[in-house]
Protein backbone atom coordinates (compact mmCIF):
# COMPACT_ATOMS: atom_id res chain seq x y z
CA MET A 1 -2.86 15.41 4.91
CA ILE A 2 -6.15 13.71 4.13
CA LYS A 3 -9.31 15.54 5.13
CA ILE A 4 -12.92 14.44 4.92
CA ASP A 5 -15.86 16.74 5.63
CA VAL A 6 -18.28 14.57 7.62
CA LYS A 7 -21.12 17.06 7.15
CA LYS A 8 -20.95 16.43 3.42
CA TYR A 9 -22.01 12.79 3.88
CA ASP A 10 -25.27 11.42 5.25
CA ASN A 11 -23.68 9.49 8.09
CA PHE A 12 -20.38 8.88 9.80
CA ASP A 13 -19.93 5.36 8.40
CA GLU A 14 -20.03 6.65 4.84
CA ALA A 15 -17.44 9.33 5.66
CA LEU A 16 -15.22 6.75 7.38
CA LYS A 17 -15.41 4.49 4.32
CA LYS A 18 -14.36 7.40 2.09
CA PHE A 19 -11.50 8.26 4.47
CA LYS A 20 -10.22 4.69 4.48
CA ALA A 21 -10.31 4.61 0.68
CA LYS A 22 -8.26 7.82 0.47
CA VAL A 23 -5.73 6.47 2.99
CA ARG A 24 -5.41 3.23 1.00
CA LYS A 25 -4.97 5.15 -2.24
CA ALA A 26 -2.27 7.38 -0.70
CA LYS A 27 -0.48 4.23 0.58
CA ILE A 28 -0.01 5.75 4.03
CA ILE A 29 -0.35 2.45 5.91
CA GLU A 30 2.16 0.71 3.63
CA ASP A 31 4.61 3.55 4.17
CA VAL A 32 4.25 3.36 7.97
CA ASN A 33 4.72 -0.41 7.96
CA ARG A 34 7.78 -0.12 5.74
CA LYS A 35 9.38 2.51 7.97
CA SER A 36 8.52 0.82 11.28
CA HIS A 37 11.70 -1.32 11.24
CA TYR A 38 15.15 -0.62 9.92
CA ILE A 39 16.11 -2.69 6.89
CA SER A 40 19.80 -2.88 5.99
CA LYS A 41 20.94 -2.21 2.44
CA SER A 42 21.92 -5.84 1.95
CA GLU A 43 18.47 -7.00 3.11
CA LEU A 44 16.84 -4.51 0.73
CA ARG A 45 18.91 -5.84 -2.18
CA HIS A 46 18.03 -9.41 -1.19
CA ARG A 47 14.29 -8.60 -1.13
CA GLN A 48 14.45 -6.82 -4.48
CA LYS A 49 16.32 -9.73 -6.06
CA LYS A 50 13.79 -12.20 -4.64
CA LYS A 51 10.88 -10.07 -5.91
CA LYS A 52 12.46 -9.84 -9.35
CA THR A 53 12.88 -13.63 -9.64
CA VAL A 54 9.28 -14.23 -8.60
CA LYS A 55 8.08 -11.90 -11.37
CA ASN A 56 10.13 -13.81 -13.97
CA ILE A 57 8.79 -17.22 -12.93
CA ARG A 58 5.23 -16.48 -14.07
CA LEU A 59 3.84 -18.88 -16.65
CA PRO A 60 3.67 -17.69 -20.25
CA SER A 61 0.24 -16.73 -21.54
CA HIS A 62 -1.64 -19.01 -23.90
CA GLY A 63 -1.27 -17.74 -27.42
């Protein structure tokens, strides 16, 4: 659980910014979005395969 002591910061906006950064770093929002809908095993495999092919298509570096 992420906790932020608001008294430690000068104002609420600064504390909110720090809280959002910690949430982003912990990948909580991504996890909630991923778990919000059921994804079948075949769909998961399809997405992983698609992601893998996209990574391999990148252009070679200049060298």
